[in-house]
């Protein structure tokens, strides 16, 4: 495990998993699960940032996504060959995102602009994907469940 990252290889992709921490725009530390999926066949890399219940609600992922993405990129770049301008970014929410789960898993594709040192974006660049497309993406990524990933990283809470 390099810098608290897990790297798993399958015939379809290389998956890098870790916890990313950043200073939220509202002034407090925030964190989420990050998973980078690099397909073995030609295709764009995807980064999935999953909201965790242990992150304070007021400092949520989606309200400061560009800063979370910038921090995730800094964590991942030493371990993966990435072009920051071609990555597909996703915000992931589910039962693991709250201590009072109420809904289904959701996936939001987030369009960001990279300016050489950080990402920029706003709500106009966020698109909630339909359940069918969400299921297709997760099937193609073959990610382990969030609780399994966080347990492997030693994260509790």
N, C-alpha and C. Protein backbone atom coordinates (compact mmCIF):
# COMPACT_ATOMS: atom_id res chain seq x y z
N UNK A 1 0.85 -1.18 0.00
CA UNK A 1 0.00 0.00 0.00
C UNK A 1 0.89 1.24 0.00
N UNK A 2 0.88 2.00 -1.09
CA UNK A 2 1.69 3.20 -1.23
C UNK A 2 0.88 4.41 -0.78
N UNK A 3 1.40 5.15 0.21
CA UNK A 3 0.71 6.35 0.70
C UNK A 3 -0.76 6.08 1.01
N UNK A 4 -1.03 4.93 1.64
CA UNK A 4 -2.40 4.55 1.99
C UNK A 4 -3.30 4.41 0.77
N UNK A 5 -2.74 3.97 -0.33
CA UNK A 5 -3.52 3.67 -1.52
C UNK A 5 -3.49 2.15 -1.75
N UNK A 6 -4.60 1.65 -2.24
CA UNK A 6 -4.68 0.25 -2.66
C UNK A 6 -4.68 0.23 -4.18
N UNK A 7 -3.90 -0.66 -4.76
CA UNK A 7 -3.86 -0.78 -6.22
C UNK A 7 -4.21 -2.22 -6.57
N UNK A 8 -5.30 -2.38 -7.32
CA UNK A 8 -5.78 -3.70 -7.73
C UNK A 8 -5.82 -3.75 -9.25
N UNK A 9 -5.40 -4.86 -9.80
CA UNK A 9 -5.42 -5.05 -11.25
C UNK A 9 -6.38 -6.17 -11.62
N UNK A 10 -7.12 -5.94 -12.68
CA UNK A 10 -8.00 -6.97 -13.24
C UNK A 10 -7.78 -6.96 -14.75
N UNK A 11 -8.35 -7.93 -15.46
CA UNK A 11 -8.21 -7.90 -16.92
C UNK A 11 -8.81 -6.64 -17.55
N UNK A 12 -9.80 -6.02 -16.88
CA UNK A 12 -10.48 -4.86 -17.44
C UNK A 12 -9.84 -3.53 -17.07
N UNK A 13 -9.23 -3.44 -15.87
CA UNK A 13 -8.78 -2.13 -15.40
C UNK A 13 -7.80 -2.24 -14.24
N UNK A 14 -7.09 -1.15 -14.04
CA UNK A 14 -6.30 -0.94 -12.84
C UNK A 14 -7.11 0.01 -11.97
N UNK A 15 -7.36 -0.40 -10.72
CA UNK A 15 -8.18 0.40 -9.82
C UNK A 15 -7.33 0.83 -8.63
N UNK A 16 -7.24 2.13 -8.44
CA UNK A 16 -6.50 2.71 -7.32
C UNK A 16 -7.51 3.30 -6.35
N UNK A 17 -7.42 2.92 -5.08
CA UNK A 17 -8.40 3.30 -4.06
C UNK A 17 -7.69 3.97 -2.90
N UNK A 18 -8.27 5.03 -2.38
CA UNK A 18 -7.70 5.72 -1.22
C UNK A 18 -8.72 6.64 -0.56
N UNK A 19 -8.27 7.29 0.47
CA UNK A 19 -9.06 8.32 1.14
C UNK A 19 -8.43 9.66 0.82
N UNK A 20 -9.24 10.60 0.38
CA UNK A 20 -8.72 11.92 0.05
C UNK A 20 -9.26 12.91 1.09
N UNK A 21 -8.38 13.79 1.53
CA UNK A 21 -8.72 14.83 2.50
C UNK A 21 -8.45 16.18 1.85
N UNK A 22 -9.33 17.14 2.12
CA UNK A 22 -9.14 18.49 1.61
C UNK A 22 -9.75 19.50 2.56
N UNK A 23 -9.34 20.74 2.41
CA UNK A 23 -9.91 21.84 3.19
C UNK A 23 -11.12 22.34 2.42
N UNK A 24 -12.32 22.08 2.99
CA UNK A 24 -13.58 22.46 2.34
C UNK A 24 -13.68 23.97 2.24
N UNK A 25 -14.37 24.46 1.23
CA UNK A 25 -14.54 25.91 1.02
C UNK A 25 -15.17 26.60 2.22
N UNK A 26 -15.89 25.84 3.05
CA UNK A 26 -16.49 26.42 4.26
C UNK A 26 -15.54 26.43 5.44
N UNK A 27 -14.29 25.99 5.24
CA UNK A 27 -13.26 26.17 6.24
C UNK A 27 -12.96 25.00 7.15
N UNK A 28 -13.47 23.83 6.85
CA UNK A 28 -13.21 22.68 7.72
C UNK A 28 -12.65 21.54 6.87
N UNK A 29 -11.93 20.64 7.52
CA UNK A 29 -11.41 19.47 6.82
C UNK A 29 -12.56 18.56 6.41
N UNK A 30 -12.44 18.00 5.21
CA UNK A 30 -13.44 17.08 4.68
C UNK A 30 -12.70 15.89 4.08
N UNK A 31 -13.43 14.80 3.87
CA UNK A 31 -12.81 13.61 3.28
C UNK A 31 -13.85 12.79 2.53
N UNK A 32 -13.36 11.95 1.62
CA UNK A 32 -14.21 11.02 0.87
C UNK A 32 -13.34 9.87 0.37
N UNK A 33 -13.99 8.85 -0.13
CA UNK A 33 -13.30 7.73 -0.76
C UNK A 33 -13.04 8.10 -2.22
N UNK A 34 -11.84 7.82 -2.69
CA UNK A 34 -11.52 8.06 -4.10
C UNK A 34 -11.16 6.73 -4.75
N UNK A 35 -11.69 6.52 -5.96
CA UNK A 35 -11.33 5.34 -6.74
C UNK A 35 -11.08 5.75 -8.18
N UNK A 36 -9.88 5.46 -8.64
CA UNK A 36 -9.47 5.73 -10.01
C UNK A 36 -9.57 4.43 -10.79
N UNK A 37 -10.30 4.48 -11.90
CA UNK A 37 -10.43 3.32 -12.78
C UNK A 37 -9.72 3.66 -14.09
N UNK A 38 -8.63 2.92 -14.37
CA UNK A 38 -7.88 3.09 -15.61
C UNK A 38 -8.07 1.83 -16.46
N UNK A 39 -8.87 1.93 -17.52
CA UNK A 39 -9.15 0.74 -18.34
C UNK A 39 -7.88 0.20 -18.99
N UNK A 40 -7.81 -1.12 -19.11
CA UNK A 40 -6.66 -1.72 -19.78
C UNK A 40 -6.76 -1.56 -21.29
N UNK A 41 -7.98 -1.47 -21.82
CA UNK A 41 -8.16 -1.18 -23.23
C UNK A 41 -8.28 0.33 -23.39
N UNK A 42 -8.11 0.84 -24.60
CA UNK A 42 -8.18 2.29 -24.77
C UNK A 42 -9.50 2.86 -24.23
N UNK A 43 -9.38 3.97 -23.55
CA UNK A 43 -10.54 4.63 -22.98
C UNK A 43 -10.12 5.63 -21.93
N UNK A 44 -11.03 6.49 -21.57
CA UNK A 44 -10.75 7.53 -20.58
C UNK A 44 -10.76 6.95 -19.17
N UNK A 45 -9.88 7.46 -18.33
CA UNK A 45 -9.90 7.10 -16.92
C UNK A 45 -11.06 7.79 -16.25
N UNK A 46 -11.60 7.13 -15.23
CA UNK A 46 -12.70 7.68 -14.44
C UNK A 46 -12.27 7.75 -12.99
N UNK A 47 -12.67 8.83 -12.31
CA UNK A 47 -12.45 8.95 -10.87
C UNK A 47 -13.81 9.08 -10.22
N UNK A 48 -14.05 8.19 -9.25
CA UNK A 48 -15.30 8.18 -8.52
C UNK A 48 -15.00 8.61 -7.09
N UNK A 49 -15.61 9.73 -6.68
CA UNK A 49 -15.48 10.21 -5.30
C UNK A 49 -16.76 9.86 -4.58
N UNK A 50 -16.65 9.07 -3.52
CA UNK A 50 -17.82 8.59 -2.78
C UNK A 50 -17.94 9.33 -1.46
N UNK A 51 -19.10 9.94 -1.25
CA UNK A 51 -19.40 10.62 0.01
C UNK A 51 -19.48 9.58 1.13
N UNK A 52 -18.83 9.86 2.26
CA UNK A 52 -18.84 8.95 3.40
C UNK A 52 -19.62 9.56 4.56
N UNK A 53 -20.30 8.72 5.32
CA UNK A 53 -21.08 9.20 6.46
C UNK A 53 -20.20 9.88 7.50
N UNK A 54 -18.93 9.50 7.57
CA UNK A 54 -18.02 10.09 8.56
C UNK A 54 -17.62 11.52 8.22
N UNK A 55 -17.92 11.97 7.02
CA UNK A 55 -17.66 13.35 6.63
C UNK A 55 -18.85 14.20 7.09
N UNK A 56 -18.61 15.32 7.78
CA UNK A 56 -19.74 16.14 8.27
C UNK A 56 -20.67 16.58 7.14
N UNK A 57 -21.97 16.48 7.38
CA UNK A 57 -22.96 16.83 6.36
C UNK A 57 -22.78 18.23 5.80
N UNK A 58 -22.46 19.18 6.65
CA UNK A 58 -22.33 20.57 6.21
C UNK A 58 -21.15 20.78 5.25
N UNK A 59 -20.24 19.81 5.22
CA UNK A 59 -19.04 19.92 4.39
C UNK A 59 -19.04 18.83 3.32
N UNK A 60 -20.18 18.69 2.68
CA UNK A 60 -20.38 17.61 1.73
C UNK A 60 -19.56 17.73 0.46
N UNK A 61 -19.38 16.61 -0.16
CA UNK A 61 -18.58 16.46 -1.37
C UNK A 61 -19.11 17.31 -2.52
N UNK A 62 -20.38 17.24 -2.78
CA UNK A 62 -20.93 17.87 -3.97
C UNK A 62 -20.87 19.40 -3.89
N UNK A 63 -20.87 19.95 -2.67
CA UNK A 63 -20.83 21.41 -2.54
C UNK A 63 -19.43 21.99 -2.74
N UNK A 64 -18.41 21.13 -2.80
CA UNK A 64 -17.04 21.60 -2.99
C UNK A 64 -16.27 20.61 -3.88
N UNK A 65 -16.95 20.12 -4.91
CA UNK A 65 -16.38 19.07 -5.73
C UNK A 65 -15.06 19.45 -6.40
N UNK A 66 -14.91 20.66 -6.95
CA UNK A 66 -13.63 20.98 -7.59
C UNK A 66 -12.43 20.88 -6.62
N UNK A 67 -12.60 21.30 -5.39
CA UNK A 67 -11.50 21.19 -4.42
C UNK A 67 -11.22 19.73 -4.07
N UNK A 68 -12.27 18.93 -3.93
CA UNK A 68 -12.08 17.50 -3.67
C UNK A 68 -11.36 16.84 -4.84
N UNK A 69 -11.75 17.19 -6.06
CA UNK A 69 -11.10 16.63 -7.25
C UNK A 69 -9.63 17.04 -7.32
N UNK A 70 -9.33 18.28 -7.00
CA UNK A 70 -7.94 18.75 -7.00
C UNK A 70 -7.11 17.96 -5.99
N UNK A 71 -7.66 17.74 -4.80
CA UNK A 71 -6.95 16.97 -3.77
C UNK A 71 -6.80 15.51 -4.20
N UNK A 72 -7.83 14.96 -4.84
CA UNK A 72 -7.75 13.58 -5.32
C UNK A 72 -6.67 13.43 -6.38
N UNK A 73 -6.61 14.38 -7.30
CA UNK A 73 -5.59 14.33 -8.33
C UNK A 73 -4.19 14.36 -7.72
N UNK A 74 -3.99 15.22 -6.73
CA UNK A 74 -2.68 15.30 -6.07
C UNK A 74 -2.31 13.98 -5.40
N UNK A 75 -3.29 13.29 -4.86
CA UNK A 75 -3.05 11.99 -4.23
C UNK A 75 -2.71 10.92 -5.27
N UNK A 76 -3.40 10.96 -6.40
CA UNK A 76 -3.28 9.90 -7.40
C UNK A 76 -2.10 10.07 -8.36
N UNK A 77 -1.75 11.30 -8.72
CA UNK A 77 -0.74 11.54 -9.75
C UNK A 77 0.61 10.85 -9.52
N UNK A 78 1.10 10.79 -8.29
CA UNK A 78 2.38 10.09 -8.12
C UNK A 78 2.33 8.59 -8.43
N UNK A 79 1.12 8.04 -8.55
CA UNK A 79 0.97 6.60 -8.72
C UNK A 79 0.31 6.19 -10.03
N UNK A 80 -0.04 7.18 -10.86
CA UNK A 80 -0.75 6.85 -12.09
C UNK A 80 -0.45 7.89 -13.16
N UNK A 81 -0.30 7.43 -14.39
CA UNK A 81 -0.11 8.34 -15.51
C UNK A 81 -1.49 8.85 -15.92
N UNK A 82 -1.74 10.12 -15.65
CA UNK A 82 -3.06 10.71 -15.90
C UNK A 82 -2.93 12.04 -16.63
N UNK A 83 -3.88 12.29 -17.50
CA UNK A 83 -4.03 13.61 -18.09
C UNK A 83 -5.21 14.26 -17.37
N UNK A 84 -4.95 15.26 -16.52
CA UNK A 84 -6.02 15.87 -15.72
C UNK A 84 -7.18 16.42 -16.53
N UNK A 85 -6.95 16.71 -17.81
CA UNK A 85 -8.01 17.30 -18.63
C UNK A 85 -8.93 16.26 -19.26
N UNK A 86 -8.56 14.99 -19.23
CA UNK A 86 -9.40 13.98 -19.88
C UNK A 86 -10.10 13.04 -18.90
N UNK A 87 -9.86 13.20 -17.62
CA UNK A 87 -10.49 12.34 -16.62
C UNK A 87 -12.00 12.60 -16.58
N UNK A 88 -12.78 11.53 -16.47
CA UNK A 88 -14.22 11.65 -16.21
C UNK A 88 -14.40 11.61 -14.69
N UNK A 89 -15.11 12.58 -14.14
CA UNK A 89 -15.31 12.71 -12.70
C UNK A 89 -16.75 12.38 -12.31
N UNK A 90 -16.90 11.66 -11.19
CA UNK A 90 -18.21 11.26 -10.71
C UNK A 90 -18.31 11.45 -9.20
N UNK A 91 -19.46 11.91 -8.74
CA UNK A 91 -19.80 11.96 -7.31
C UNK A 91 -20.76 10.81 -7.05
N UNK A 92 -20.45 10.04 -6.02
CA UNK A 92 -21.18 8.81 -5.72
C UNK A 92 -21.77 8.91 -4.32
N UNK A 93 -23.07 8.64 -4.22
CA UNK A 93 -23.77 8.65 -2.93
C UNK A 93 -24.57 7.36 -2.79
N UNK A 94 -24.71 6.90 -1.55
CA UNK A 94 -25.47 5.68 -1.28
C UNK A 94 -25.66 5.50 0.21
N UNK A 95 -25.99 4.29 0.61
CA UNK A 95 -26.22 3.99 2.03
C UNK A 95 -25.03 4.32 2.91
N UNK A 96 -23.84 4.28 2.37
CA UNK A 96 -22.59 4.55 3.09
C UNK A 96 -22.37 6.05 3.29
N UNK A 97 -23.22 6.89 2.70
CA UNK A 97 -23.02 8.34 2.74
C UNK A 97 -23.67 9.01 3.95
N UNK A 98 -24.50 8.29 4.64
CA UNK A 98 -25.23 8.87 5.76
C UNK A 98 -25.48 7.80 6.81
N UNK A 99 -25.66 8.25 8.05
CA UNK A 99 -25.99 7.29 9.11
C UNK A 99 -27.47 6.98 9.11
N UNK A 100 -28.24 7.67 8.29
CA UNK A 100 -29.69 7.47 8.17
C UNK A 100 -30.04 7.28 6.69
N UNK A 101 -29.64 6.14 6.10
CA UNK A 101 -29.83 5.96 4.67
C UNK A 101 -31.31 5.95 4.29
N UNK A 102 -31.61 6.65 3.20
CA UNK A 102 -33.00 6.77 2.77
C UNK A 102 -33.21 6.45 1.30
N UNK A 103 -32.19 6.41 0.51
CA UNK A 103 -32.43 6.26 -0.92
C UNK A 103 -31.46 5.32 -1.61
N UNK A 104 -31.63 5.27 -2.90
CA UNK A 104 -30.81 4.40 -3.74
C UNK A 104 -29.44 5.03 -4.00
N UNK A 105 -28.56 4.23 -4.55
CA UNK A 105 -27.25 4.73 -4.97
C UNK A 105 -27.44 5.72 -6.11
N UNK A 106 -26.73 6.83 -6.04
CA UNK A 106 -26.77 7.81 -7.13
C UNK A 106 -25.36 8.09 -7.62
N UNK A 107 -25.30 8.49 -8.87
CA UNK A 107 -24.03 8.84 -9.49
C UNK A 107 -24.25 10.12 -10.28
N UNK A 108 -23.42 11.11 -10.01
CA UNK A 108 -23.49 12.40 -10.69
C UNK A 108 -22.21 12.55 -11.49
N UNK A 109 -22.34 12.76 -12.80
CA UNK A 109 -21.15 13.06 -13.60
C UNK A 109 -20.89 14.55 -13.47
N UNK A 110 -19.64 14.90 -13.17
CA UNK A 110 -19.27 16.29 -12.91
C UNK A 110 -18.26 16.73 -13.97
N UNK A 111 -18.62 17.78 -14.70
CA UNK A 111 -17.72 18.35 -15.70
C UNK A 111 -16.89 19.43 -15.03
N UNK A 112 -15.58 19.28 -15.13
CA UNK A 112 -14.64 20.22 -14.51
C UNK A 112 -13.67 20.75 -15.56
N UNK A 113 -13.11 21.91 -15.27
CA UNK A 113 -12.06 22.51 -16.09
C UNK A 113 -10.78 22.51 -15.27
N UNK A 114 -9.69 22.06 -15.87
CA UNK A 114 -8.40 22.03 -15.20
C UNK A 114 -7.53 23.17 -15.74
N UNK A 115 -6.97 23.98 -14.83
CA UNK A 115 -6.20 25.15 -15.24
C UNK A 115 -4.71 25.02 -14.93
N UNK A 116 -4.22 23.81 -14.82
CA UNK A 116 -2.80 23.60 -14.61
C UNK A 116 -2.42 23.37 -13.17
N UNK A 117 -3.22 23.86 -12.22
CA UNK A 117 -2.92 23.61 -10.82
C UNK A 117 -4.15 23.21 -10.01
N UNK A 118 -5.35 23.40 -10.59
CA UNK A 118 -6.55 22.99 -9.86
C UNK A 118 -7.75 22.92 -10.81
N UNK A 119 -8.78 22.28 -10.30
CA UNK A 119 -10.03 22.15 -11.04
C UNK A 119 -10.99 23.27 -10.68
N UNK A 120 -11.86 23.59 -11.64
CA UNK A 120 -12.92 24.58 -11.46
C UNK A 120 -14.21 23.98 -11.98
N UNK A 121 -15.32 24.37 -11.38
CA UNK A 121 -16.62 23.90 -11.85
C UNK A 121 -17.71 24.48 -10.98
N UNK A 122 -18.95 24.27 -11.41
CA UNK A 122 -20.10 24.73 -10.62
C UNK A 122 -21.27 23.77 -10.87
N UNK A 123 -22.41 24.09 -10.30
CA UNK A 123 -23.57 23.21 -10.38
C UNK A 123 -24.02 22.93 -11.81
N UNK A 124 -23.76 23.84 -12.72
CA UNK A 124 -24.17 23.62 -14.12
C UNK A 124 -23.46 22.43 -14.74
N UNK A 125 -22.32 22.05 -14.20
CA UNK A 125 -21.56 20.93 -14.72
C UNK A 125 -21.87 19.60 -14.05
N UNK A 126 -22.96 19.54 -13.28
CA UNK A 126 -23.31 18.31 -12.58
C UNK A 126 -24.57 17.70 -13.19
N UNK A 127 -24.48 16.43 -13.58
CA UNK A 127 -25.61 15.74 -14.19
C UNK A 127 -25.87 14.43 -13.45
N UNK A 128 -27.05 14.35 -12.82
CA UNK A 128 -27.47 13.11 -12.17
C UNK A 128 -27.77 12.07 -13.25
N UNK A 129 -27.09 10.93 -13.16
CA UNK A 129 -27.28 9.89 -14.17
C UNK A 129 -28.49 9.02 -13.82
N UNK A 130 -29.20 8.54 -14.83
CA UNK A 130 -30.34 7.65 -14.57
C UNK A 130 -29.86 6.34 -13.94
N UNK A 131 -30.73 5.67 -13.19
CA UNK A 131 -30.33 4.42 -12.51
C UNK A 131 -29.74 3.37 -13.46
N UNK A 132 -30.27 3.27 -14.66
CA UNK A 132 -29.77 2.28 -15.61
C UNK A 132 -28.33 2.57 -16.01
N UNK A 133 -28.03 3.83 -16.28
CA UNK A 133 -26.66 4.20 -16.66
C UNK A 133 -25.71 4.03 -15.47
N UNK A 134 -26.19 4.37 -14.27
CA UNK A 134 -25.39 4.16 -13.06
C UNK A 134 -25.03 2.69 -12.92
N UNK A 135 -26.01 1.81 -13.07
CA UNK A 135 -25.76 0.37 -12.96
C UNK A 135 -24.78 -0.11 -14.02
N UNK A 136 -24.91 0.39 -15.25
CA UNK A 136 -23.99 0.00 -16.33
C UNK A 136 -22.56 0.42 -16.02
N UNK A 137 -22.39 1.64 -15.52
CA UNK A 137 -21.04 2.11 -15.20
C UNK A 137 -20.42 1.28 -14.08
N UNK A 138 -21.19 1.02 -13.02
CA UNK A 138 -20.65 0.22 -11.92
C UNK A 138 -20.33 -1.20 -12.38
N UNK A 139 -21.12 -1.75 -13.27
CA UNK A 139 -20.84 -3.08 -13.81
C UNK A 139 -19.52 -3.05 -14.59
N UNK A 140 -19.30 -2.01 -15.39
CA UNK A 140 -18.07 -1.93 -16.18
C UNK A 140 -16.85 -1.66 -15.30
N UNK A 141 -17.03 -0.88 -14.24
CA UNK A 141 -15.90 -0.58 -13.36
C UNK A 141 -15.53 -1.74 -12.45
N UNK A 142 -16.50 -2.55 -12.07
CA UNK A 142 -16.29 -3.69 -11.17
C UNK A 142 -15.62 -3.27 -9.86
N UNK A 143 -16.18 -2.24 -9.24
CA UNK A 143 -15.65 -1.76 -7.96
C UNK A 143 -16.19 -2.58 -6.80
N UNK A 144 -15.35 -2.76 -5.79
CA UNK A 144 -15.85 -3.41 -4.59
C UNK A 144 -16.77 -2.43 -3.85
N UNK A 145 -17.66 -2.93 -3.00
CA UNK A 145 -18.54 -2.04 -2.25
C UNK A 145 -17.76 -1.04 -1.40
N UNK A 146 -18.32 0.14 -1.22
CA UNK A 146 -17.65 1.19 -0.44
C UNK A 146 -17.25 0.69 0.95
N UNK A 147 -18.14 0.02 1.72
CA UNK A 147 -17.72 -0.44 3.05
C UNK A 147 -16.52 -1.38 3.02
N UNK A 148 -16.43 -2.21 1.98
CA UNK A 148 -15.28 -3.11 1.84
C UNK A 148 -14.01 -2.30 1.57
N UNK A 149 -14.10 -1.33 0.68
CA UNK A 149 -12.94 -0.50 0.35
C UNK A 149 -12.46 0.29 1.57
N UNK A 150 -13.38 0.91 2.29
CA UNK A 150 -12.96 1.70 3.46
C UNK A 150 -12.38 0.80 4.54
N UNK A 151 -12.92 -0.40 4.72
CA UNK A 151 -12.37 -1.33 5.70
C UNK A 151 -10.95 -1.75 5.31
N UNK A 152 -10.72 -2.02 4.03
CA UNK A 152 -9.38 -2.38 3.57
C UNK A 152 -8.38 -1.25 3.82
N UNK A 153 -8.87 -0.02 3.78
CA UNK A 153 -8.01 1.15 4.03
C UNK A 153 -7.85 1.44 5.53
N UNK A 154 -8.58 0.70 6.37
CA UNK A 154 -8.51 0.91 7.81
C UNK A 154 -9.35 2.10 8.29
N UNK A 155 -10.29 2.55 7.46
CA UNK A 155 -11.15 3.68 7.83
C UNK A 155 -12.42 3.16 8.50
N UNK A 156 -12.69 3.67 9.64
CA UNK A 156 -13.92 3.31 10.35
C UNK A 156 -14.71 4.57 10.61
N UNK A 157 -16.01 4.41 10.73
CA UNK A 157 -16.84 5.58 11.06
C UNK A 157 -17.70 6.03 9.97
